Amino acid sequence: MTEYPGQQPPSGSTASTGQGPASRPPSEPEGEGPEGYEAWLGRSRMVLTPIAAPSILGLFGFASSTFMVASNLAEWWGDALLSPVILAPLVIFFGGLAQLAAGMWAYRARDGVATAMHGTWGAFWLAWGMTQLMVANGLLPLTTTISKAFGFWWIVLAVTTIFGALASLGKNLGLFLTLGLLAAGSALLAAGIIGAVHGLVVTAGWVLVASSAAAWYTAGAMMLEQSYGGRIILPLGRWSLRGNLPGHRQARPIEYAAGMPGAKAGQ
C-alpha cells in the first residue's frame, strides 16, 4: 500500500479487505497548520492529461445552429422550404458533428450533464440536417418535416432536455436557463407540429432563440474563465456567492475530499 505524507495506516486493517477506515476517502484538510490545505497541496503530485472544457465547443455549436434554425421558424427570415436545405450543412457540422464530439470529450471531463445534452442534441442536429437533404433530393416527401412523426422527435427531445435542465441546477443557472428554455421550446414545437398550429411553431422559434442566446452567454463565460486562469469574468449564477464575483477563483485546483487526489470533476 502506498503511503502519503501525513497518512498513517490504521491498525488492524489490510489493503486486501478494502474495509475499515482505509477504504474511506479522507476529508479535506482545513486550517493553515502543517496538515492544512496549503501544506497538503504543496506535498501533492499529480500526472494528468488535461483537456479544455468540452462544453465551450458544444455550447457554441449548439447556440449557432439553434439560432439559425429557430430564427427561421420564428419567421425572421427565409421560408419554410428552401431555407432549411441551405442551413443543413451548417447544422450537420457545427451543431451536429462538433457538438457530438464535445459530448464524447465530456466523458473525459466526467461531466454527465454535458455528455448527455451535447450527445443527444449533437445526434439530433445530424439527423435533422440529413432529413432536410433527403427531402431536397426527393428521397423523402416534402411534408416530412411537418408530419406528426417528425413532431414526435421533439417530444423525445423535450423529455430528455427536461431531465438535463433539472440536473444542471447542481451546476449553474446559466446552463439551467439554456436547457430550461430549450425544453420549453421543444415542447411547444412538438405541439405545434403535431397539432398543425402555426402560431405555436412561431412561438417555439422565439423560445429557442432565447435558449441559443443563453447558450452563447454560458459558453462565452466559460471560455473567458478558462482563459483568465480560472477567474470569474462573467458570472454564471453559481450557488456560492464567491463563484459569481468577477476576479475571484471559483474552485481549488485539487479536490482532496473526492478521495483521489485528482482534478475536480466536471467543467
Protein backbone atom coordinates (compact mmCIF):
# COMPACT_ATOMS: atom_id res chain seq x y z
CA MET A 1 0.00 0.00 0.00
CA THR A 2 1.36 3.42 -0.93
CA GLU A 3 1.78 5.79 1.99
CA TYR A 4 1.43 9.53 1.62
CA PRO A 5 2.95 12.17 3.85
CA GLY A 6 0.91 12.63 6.98
CA GLN A 7 -1.06 9.40 6.43
CA GLN A 8 -0.77 6.62 9.00
CA PRO A 9 -2.12 3.17 8.12
CA PRO A 10 -4.84 2.20 10.58
CA SER A 11 -4.11 -0.70 12.87
CA GLY A 12 -5.81 -3.95 12.14
CA SER A 13 -6.66 -3.07 8.52
CA THR A 14 -5.28 -4.53 5.32
CA ALA A 15 -5.31 -3.30 1.73
CA SER A 16 -6.76 -6.61 0.53
CA THR A 17 -10.01 -6.43 2.51
CA GLY A 18 -10.97 -2.93 1.33
CA GLN A 19 -12.79 -2.42 4.69
CA GLY A 20 -12.31 -0.07 7.60
CA PRO A 21 -11.04 3.50 7.67
CA ALA A 22 -8.51 2.92 4.89
CA SER A 23 -11.29 2.37 2.33
CA ARG A 24 -12.98 5.73 3.00
CA PRO A 25 -11.82 8.88 1.22
CA PRO A 26 -10.11 11.23 3.67
CA SER A 27 -11.73 14.54 4.43
CA GLU A 28 -10.16 17.67 3.02
CA PRO A 29 -7.68 19.19 5.50
CA GLU A 30 -8.57 22.54 6.99
CA GLY A 31 -6.61 25.33 8.58
CA GLU A 32 -3.15 26.74 7.96
CA GLY A 33 -1.04 24.35 10.05
CA PRO A 34 1.27 21.54 8.84
CA GLU A 35 -1.78 19.45 7.91
CA GLY A 36 -3.75 22.34 6.36
CA TYR A 37 -4.82 22.58 2.74
CA GLU A 38 -1.88 24.69 1.56
CA ALA A 39 0.62 22.31 3.17
CA TRP A 40 -1.13 19.29 1.70
CA LEU A 41 -1.25 20.98 -1.71
CA GLY A 42 2.50 21.59 -1.56
CA ARG A 43 3.16 17.87 -0.96
CA SER A 44 0.74 16.60 -3.62
CA ARG A 45 1.86 15.41 -7.04
CA MET A 46 -0.41 14.52 -9.95
CA VAL A 47 0.07 13.36 -13.51
CA LEU A 48 -2.91 14.50 -15.58
CA THR A 49 -3.92 14.68 -19.22
CA PRO A 50 -5.90 17.90 -19.11
CA ILE A 51 -8.45 18.89 -21.74
CA ALA A 52 -10.28 22.13 -22.34
CA ALA A 53 -13.90 22.27 -21.14
CA PRO A 54 -15.83 20.42 -23.91
CA SER A 55 -18.97 22.47 -23.27
CA ILE A 56 -17.28 25.57 -24.66
CA LEU A 57 -17.26 23.99 -28.12
CA GLY A 58 -20.55 22.18 -27.55
CA LEU A 59 -22.50 25.25 -26.43
CA PHE A 60 -21.11 27.46 -29.21
CA GLY A 61 -22.04 24.82 -31.79
CA PHE A 62 -25.47 24.35 -30.26
CA ALA A 63 -26.15 28.09 -29.96
CA SER A 64 -25.19 28.85 -33.56
CA SER A 65 -27.20 26.04 -35.13
CA THR A 66 -30.21 26.51 -32.89
CA PHE A 67 -30.28 30.26 -33.52
CA MET A 68 -30.25 29.83 -37.30
CA VAL A 69 -32.99 27.18 -37.31
CA ALA A 70 -35.09 28.87 -34.63
CA SER A 71 -34.93 32.32 -36.24
CA ASN A 72 -36.20 30.71 -39.45
CA LEU A 73 -39.04 29.04 -37.50
CA ALA A 74 -39.85 32.41 -35.93
CA GLU A 75 -40.12 33.82 -39.48
CA TRP A 76 -37.34 36.36 -39.05
CA TRP A 77 -36.00 35.48 -42.49
CA GLY A 78 -36.25 32.96 -45.33
CA ASP A 79 -39.01 30.47 -45.93
CA ALA A 80 -40.01 27.02 -44.70
CA LEU A 81 -38.98 25.16 -47.87
CA LEU A 82 -35.62 26.32 -49.19
CA SER A 83 -34.01 27.82 -46.06
CA PRO A 84 -33.69 24.53 -44.09
CA VAL A 85 -31.83 23.00 -47.05
CA ILE A 86 -29.34 25.89 -47.05
CA LEU A 87 -28.92 25.53 -43.28
CA ALA A 88 -28.36 21.75 -43.40
CA PRO A 89 -24.53 21.79 -43.91
CA LEU A 90 -24.01 24.29 -41.06
CA VAL A 91 -26.28 22.32 -38.76
CA ILE A 92 -24.68 18.98 -39.63
CA PHE A 93 -21.10 20.06 -38.98
CA PHE A 94 -21.43 22.74 -36.31
CA GLY A 95 -24.48 21.71 -34.34
CA GLY A 96 -24.12 18.01 -35.10
CA LEU A 97 -20.55 16.82 -35.55
CA ALA A 98 -18.81 19.43 -33.36
CA GLN A 99 -21.36 19.12 -30.58
CA LEU A 100 -21.38 15.33 -30.68
CA ALA A 101 -17.57 15.36 -30.36
CA ALA A 102 -17.91 17.72 -27.39
CA GLY A 103 -20.31 15.26 -25.80
CA MET A 104 -17.83 12.42 -26.16
CA TRP A 105 -14.99 14.54 -24.76
CA ALA A 106 -17.24 15.38 -21.81
CA TYR A 107 -16.74 11.76 -20.71
CA ARG A 108 -13.10 12.64 -20.07
CA ALA A 109 -14.21 15.63 -18.01
CA ARG A 110 -16.57 13.35 -16.04
CA ASP A 111 -19.48 15.67 -16.77
CA GLY A 112 -22.68 13.64 -17.06
CA VAL A 113 -24.92 16.58 -17.96
CA ALA A 114 -22.64 17.73 -20.79
CA THR A 115 -22.24 14.18 -22.07
CA ALA A 116 -25.99 13.61 -22.22
CA MET A 117 -27.03 17.01 -23.59
CA HIS A 118 -24.29 17.50 -26.18
CA GLY A 119 -24.51 13.86 -27.22
CA THR A 120 -28.29 13.99 -27.56
CA TRP A 121 -28.52 17.31 -29.36
CA GLY A 122 -25.46 16.66 -31.50
CA ALA A 123 -27.01 13.43 -32.74
CA PHE A 124 -30.34 15.19 -33.30
CA TRP A 125 -28.86 18.00 -35.41
CA LEU A 126 -27.06 15.42 -37.53
CA ALA A 127 -30.38 13.65 -38.12
CA TRP A 128 -32.17 16.97 -38.77
CA GLY A 129 -29.64 18.01 -41.40
CA MET A 130 -29.69 14.64 -43.12
CA THR A 131 -33.50 14.69 -43.20
CA GLN A 132 -33.53 18.11 -44.88
CA LEU A 133 -31.05 16.94 -47.51
CA MET A 134 -33.06 13.78 -48.16
CA VAL A 135 -36.21 15.86 -48.64
CA ALA A 136 -34.36 18.19 -51.03
CA ASN A 137 -33.17 15.23 -53.10
CA GLY A 138 -36.61 13.65 -53.35
CA LEU A 139 -35.80 10.70 -51.09
CA LEU A 140 -38.48 11.78 -48.62
CA PRO A 141 -41.77 13.63 -49.26
CA LEU A 142 -41.93 17.41 -48.86
CA THR A 143 -44.36 17.01 -45.94
CA THR A 144 -41.85 15.05 -43.83
CA THR A 145 -40.82 17.91 -41.54
CA ILE A 146 -44.41 18.94 -40.82
CA SER A 147 -45.71 15.43 -40.24
CA LYS A 148 -46.84 14.10 -36.85
CA ALA A 149 -43.97 11.60 -36.90
CA PHE A 150 -41.47 14.46 -37.06
CA GLY A 151 -43.35 16.23 -34.27
CA PHE A 152 -42.73 13.26 -32.01
CA TRP A 153 -38.98 13.80 -32.46
CA TRP A 154 -39.40 16.98 -30.45
CA ILE A 155 -41.34 15.23 -27.69
CA VAL A 156 -38.40 12.89 -27.12
CA LEU A 157 -36.01 15.84 -27.10
CA ALA A 158 -38.20 17.81 -24.68
CA VAL A 159 -38.37 14.96 -22.15
CA THR A 160 -34.62 14.32 -22.31
CA THR A 161 -33.80 18.01 -22.00
CA ILE A 162 -36.11 18.47 -19.00
CA PHE A 163 -34.00 15.96 -17.07
CA GLY A 164 -30.84 17.74 -18.25
CA ALA A 165 -32.26 21.06 -17.01
CA LEU A 166 -33.05 19.59 -13.59
CA ALA A 167 -29.56 18.09 -13.34
CA SER A 168 -27.95 21.39 -14.41
CA LEU A 169 -29.35 23.08 -11.30
CA GLY A 170 -26.43 21.48 -9.50
CA LYS A 171 -24.02 23.40 -11.77
CA ASN A 172 -25.13 26.95 -12.50
CA LEU A 173 -28.17 28.98 -13.51
CA GLY A 174 -26.74 29.86 -16.92
CA LEU A 175 -26.84 26.23 -18.03
CA PHE A 176 -30.22 25.72 -16.37
CA LEU A 177 -31.69 28.68 -18.27
CA THR A 178 -30.27 27.33 -21.54
CA LEU A 179 -31.72 23.86 -21.06
CA GLY A 180 -34.97 25.04 -19.49
CA LEU A 181 -35.76 27.27 -22.46
CA LEU A 182 -34.65 24.51 -24.81
CA ALA A 183 -37.04 22.01 -23.22
CA ALA A 184 -39.90 24.53 -23.36
CA GLY A 185 -39.20 25.38 -27.00
CA SER A 186 -39.04 21.71 -27.95
CA ALA A 187 -42.37 21.02 -26.24
CA LEU A 188 -44.03 23.98 -27.99
CA LEU A 189 -42.64 22.89 -31.33
CA ALA A 190 -43.89 19.35 -30.81
CA ALA A 191 -47.37 20.64 -30.00
CA GLY A 192 -47.31 22.99 -32.98
CA ILE A 193 -46.26 20.35 -35.49
CA ILE A 194 -48.49 17.56 -34.20
CA GLY A 195 -51.49 19.84 -33.80
CA ALA A 196 -50.78 21.78 -37.01
CA VAL A 197 -50.90 25.06 -35.07
CA HIS A 198 -48.74 27.58 -36.91
CA GLY A 199 -48.73 30.07 -34.03
CA LEU A 200 -47.15 27.52 -31.68
CA VAL A 201 -44.38 26.81 -34.18
CA VAL A 202 -43.56 30.52 -34.42
CA THR A 203 -43.66 30.88 -30.62
CA ALA A 204 -41.35 27.87 -30.29
CA GLY A 205 -38.91 29.59 -32.63
CA TRP A 206 -38.76 32.63 -30.35
CA VAL A 207 -38.23 30.48 -27.24
CA LEU A 208 -35.44 28.52 -28.96
CA VAL A 209 -33.78 31.79 -30.00
CA ALA A 210 -33.75 32.75 -26.29
CA SER A 211 -32.20 29.37 -25.47
CA SER A 212 -29.44 29.93 -28.02
CA ALA A 213 -28.74 33.39 -26.52
CA ALA A 214 -28.38 31.82 -23.06
CA ALA A 215 -26.06 29.16 -24.53
CA TRP A 216 -23.86 31.83 -26.15
CA TYR A 217 -23.54 33.65 -22.84
CA THR A 218 -22.76 30.46 -20.90
CA ALA A 219 -20.13 29.31 -23.41
CA GLY A 220 -18.55 32.77 -23.50
CA ALA A 221 -18.40 32.95 -19.72
CA MET A 222 -16.75 29.51 -19.53
CA MET A 223 -14.18 30.42 -22.19
CA LEU A 224 -13.28 33.72 -20.51
CA GLU A 225 -12.95 31.99 -17.14
CA GLN A 226 -10.57 29.41 -18.54
CA SER A 227 -8.57 32.00 -20.49
CA TYR A 228 -8.02 34.09 -17.34
CA GLY A 229 -6.70 31.27 -15.20
CA GLY A 230 -9.94 30.21 -13.58
CA ARG A 231 -11.01 33.71 -12.55
CA ILE A 232 -14.63 34.75 -12.92
CA ILE A 233 -15.19 37.30 -15.69
CA LEU A 234 -18.91 36.85 -16.45
CA PRO A 235 -20.99 35.32 -13.62
CA LEU A 236 -22.79 32.08 -14.42
CA GLY A 237 -25.16 32.03 -11.46
CA ARG A 238 -23.34 29.51 -9.29
CA TRP A 239 -24.78 28.68 -5.89
CA SER A 240 -21.82 30.10 -3.97
CA LEU A 241 -21.60 33.89 -3.83
CA ARG A 242 -17.83 33.80 -4.36
CA GLY A 243 -18.36 31.82 -7.55
CA ASN A 244 -20.12 34.82 -9.10
CA LEU A 245 -17.74 37.61 -8.11
CA PRO A 246 -15.64 38.87 -11.06
CA GLY A 247 -11.92 38.45 -10.42
CA HIS A 248 -12.27 35.58 -7.93
CA ARG A 249 -11.44 31.92 -8.47
CA GLN A 250 -14.38 29.57 -8.36
CA ALA A 251 -12.68 26.32 -7.29
CA ARG A 252 -9.48 24.94 -5.84
CA PRO A 253 -7.23 23.24 -8.42
CA ILE A 254 -7.17 19.94 -6.50
CA GLU A 255 -10.00 18.33 -4.57
CA TYR A 256 -8.90 16.17 -1.68
CA ALA A 257 -12.38 15.30 -0.45
CA ALA A 258 -13.12 13.28 -3.60
CA GLY A 259 -10.55 10.77 -2.37
CA MET A 260 -8.33 10.66 -5.47
CA PRO A 261 -6.48 13.12 -5.04
CA GLY A 262 -7.27 14.36 -8.51
CA ALA A 263 -8.76 17.04 -10.68
CA LYS A 264 -12.17 18.50 -9.99
CA ALA A 265 -14.90 16.52 -11.71
CA GLY A 266 -16.88 18.32 -14.36
CA GLN A 267 -16.13 21.57 -16.13
